[in-house]
Amino acid sequence: MSDFVICINNESNPASLILGKVYRRLSDAEAESRNLVRIIDEDKSEPEGYLYPMSMFAPIELPEAAERVLNAAGD
């Protein structure tokens, strides 16, 4: 799975997720086995990230230059 996902549904969490925003997917094999994704959302209060249903996101592949910028920004 891609290291990045884009939010395609924020109806249940509009304060925590921005529709259309790219988020870094954090590695969590157990979460993925339950069809969940771990990300650091807009709240940013939990350094380990929060779990959300994968159906709220779409995995995306980014150009290498874009991945470098996002990784450097830590966003």
C-alpha atoms as a PDB file:
ATOM      1  CA  MET A   1       0.000   0.000   0.000  1.00  0.00           C
ATOM      2  CA  SER A   2       1.092   3.563  -0.650  1.00  0.00           C
ATOM      3  CA  ASP A   3       2.695   5.618   2.101  1.00  0.00           C
ATOM      4  CA  PHE A   4       0.181   8.371   1.345  1.00  0.00           C
ATOM      5  CA  VAL A   5      -3.609   8.540   1.239  1.00  0.00           C
ATOM      6  CA  ILE A   6      -6.063  11.264   0.311  1.00  0.00           C
ATOM      7  CA  CYS A   7      -9.179  11.932   2.372  1.00  0.00           C
ATOM      8  CA  ILE A   8     -12.288  11.224   0.291  1.00  0.00           C
ATOM      9  CA  ASN A   9     -14.877  11.290   3.104  1.00  0.00           C
ATOM     10  CA  ASN A  10     -14.748  13.398   6.258  1.00  0.00           C
ATOM     11  CA  GLU A  11     -18.473  13.456   7.107  1.00  0.00           C
ATOM     12  CA  SER A  12     -18.039  11.792  10.494  1.00  0.00           C
ATOM     13  CA  ASN A  13     -14.891  13.798  11.399  1.00  0.00           C
ATOM     14  CA  PRO A  14     -14.965  17.231   9.699  1.00  0.00           C
ATOM     15  CA  ALA A  15     -12.880  18.857  12.440  1.00  0.00           C
ATOM     16  CA  SER A  16     -10.193  16.165  12.309  1.00  0.00           C
ATOM     17  CA  LEU A  17      -9.914  15.484   8.577  1.00  0.00           C
ATOM     18  CA  ILE A  18      -9.799  17.779   5.579  1.00  0.00           C
ATOM     19  CA  LEU A  19     -11.529  16.490   2.473  1.00  0.00           C
ATOM     20  CA  GLY A  20      -9.000  16.230  -0.364  1.00  0.00           C
ATOM     21  CA  LYS A  21      -5.950  16.525   1.904  1.00  0.00           C
ATOM     22  CA  VAL A  22      -3.036  14.122   1.525  1.00  0.00           C
ATOM     23  CA  TYR A  23      -2.075  12.313   4.751  1.00  0.00           C
ATOM     24  CA  ARG A  24       0.874  10.065   5.474  1.00  0.00           C
ATOM     25  CA  ARG A  25      -0.193   6.519   6.312  1.00  0.00           C
ATOM     26  CA  LEU A  26       1.578   5.222   9.399  1.00  0.00           C
ATOM     27  CA  SER A  27       2.602   1.581   9.405  1.00  0.00           C
ATOM     28  CA  ASP A  28       0.189  -0.599  11.403  1.00  0.00           C
ATOM     29  CA  ALA A  29      -0.264  -4.158  10.138  1.00  0.00           C
ATOM     30  CA  GLU A  30      -2.923  -4.988  12.739  1.00  0.00           C
ATOM     31  CA  ALA A  31      -5.008  -1.951  11.767  1.00  0.00           C
ATOM     32  CA  GLU A  32      -4.700  -2.773   8.074  1.00  0.00           C
ATOM     33  CA  SER A  33      -5.873  -6.327   8.747  1.00  0.00           C
ATOM     34  CA  ARG A  34      -9.066  -4.759  10.143  1.00  0.00           C
ATOM     35  CA  ASN A  35      -9.427  -2.433   7.125  1.00  0.00           C
ATOM     36  CA  LEU A  36      -8.302   0.602   9.132  1.00  0.00           C
ATOM     37  CA  VAL A  37      -5.616   3.166   8.429  1.00  0.00           C
ATOM     38  CA  ARG A  38      -3.499   5.016  11.003  1.00  0.00           C
ATOM     39  CA  ILE A  39      -2.800   8.684  10.281  1.00  0.00           C
ATOM     40  CA  ILE A  40      -1.938  11.844  12.174  1.00  0.00           C
ATOM     41  CA  ASP A  41      -5.016  13.985  11.690  1.00  0.00           C
ATOM     42  CA  GLU A  42      -5.572  17.738  12.062  1.00  0.00           C
ATOM     43  CA  ASP A  43      -5.825  17.448  15.857  1.00  0.00           C
ATOM     44  CA  LYS A  44      -2.174  16.275  15.983  1.00  0.00           C
ATOM     45  CA  SER A  45      -2.540  15.596  19.726  1.00  0.00           C
ATOM     46  CA  GLU A  46      -1.780  11.886  19.338  1.00  0.00           C
ATOM     47  CA  PRO A  47       1.791  11.337  18.052  1.00  0.00           C
ATOM     48  CA  GLU A  48       1.008   7.692  17.245  1.00  0.00           C
ATOM     49  CA  GLY A  49      -1.895   8.783  15.024  1.00  0.00           C
ATOM     50  CA  TYR A  50      -5.546   7.799  14.996  1.00  0.00           C
ATOM     51  CA  LEU A  51      -7.326   4.900  13.358  1.00  0.00           C
ATOM     52  CA  TYR A  52      -9.916   5.574  10.681  1.00  0.00           C
ATOM     53  CA  PRO A  53     -11.801   3.283   8.293  1.00  0.00           C
ATOM     54  CA  MET A  54      -9.819   2.870   5.099  1.00  0.00           C
ATOM     55  CA  SER A  55     -13.022   3.669   3.177  1.00  0.00           C
ATOM     56  CA  MET A  56     -12.516   7.318   4.183  1.00  0.00           C
ATOM     57  CA  PHE A  57      -9.272   7.454   2.178  1.00  0.00           C
ATOM     58  CA  ALA A  58      -7.862   6.469  -1.189  1.00  0.00           C
ATOM     59  CA  PRO A  59      -4.227   5.378  -1.499  1.00  0.00           C
ATOM     60  CA  ILE A  60      -2.235   7.551  -3.884  1.00  0.00           C
ATOM     61  CA  GLU A  61       1.175   7.363  -5.494  1.00  0.00           C
ATOM     62  CA  LEU A  62       3.057  10.643  -5.544  1.00  0.00           C
ATOM     63  CA  PRO A  63       6.006  11.723  -7.648  1.00  0.00           C
ATOM     64  CA  GLU A  64       9.310  11.263  -5.825  1.00  0.00           C
ATOM     65  CA  ALA A  65       9.809  15.032  -5.498  1.00  0.00           C
ATOM     66  CA  ALA A  66       6.412  15.421  -3.798  1.00  0.00           C
ATOM     67  CA  GLU A  67       7.146  12.563  -1.391  1.00  0.00           C
ATOM     68  CA  ARG A  68      10.461  14.180  -0.437  1.00  0.00           C
ATOM     69  CA  VAL A  69       8.755  17.475   0.323  1.00  0.00           C
ATOM     70  CA  LEU A  70       6.003  15.845   2.417  1.00  0.00           C
ATOM     71  CA  ASN A  71       8.471  13.650   4.283  1.00  0.00           C
ATOM     72  CA  ALA A  72      10.722  16.632   5.026  1.00  0.00           C
ATOM     73  CA  ALA A  73       7.749  18.656   6.265  1.00  0.00           C
ATOM     74  CA  GLY A  74       6.663  15.840   8.545  1.00  0.00           C
ATOM     75  CA  ASP A  75       3.072  16.688   7.646  1.00  0.00           C
END
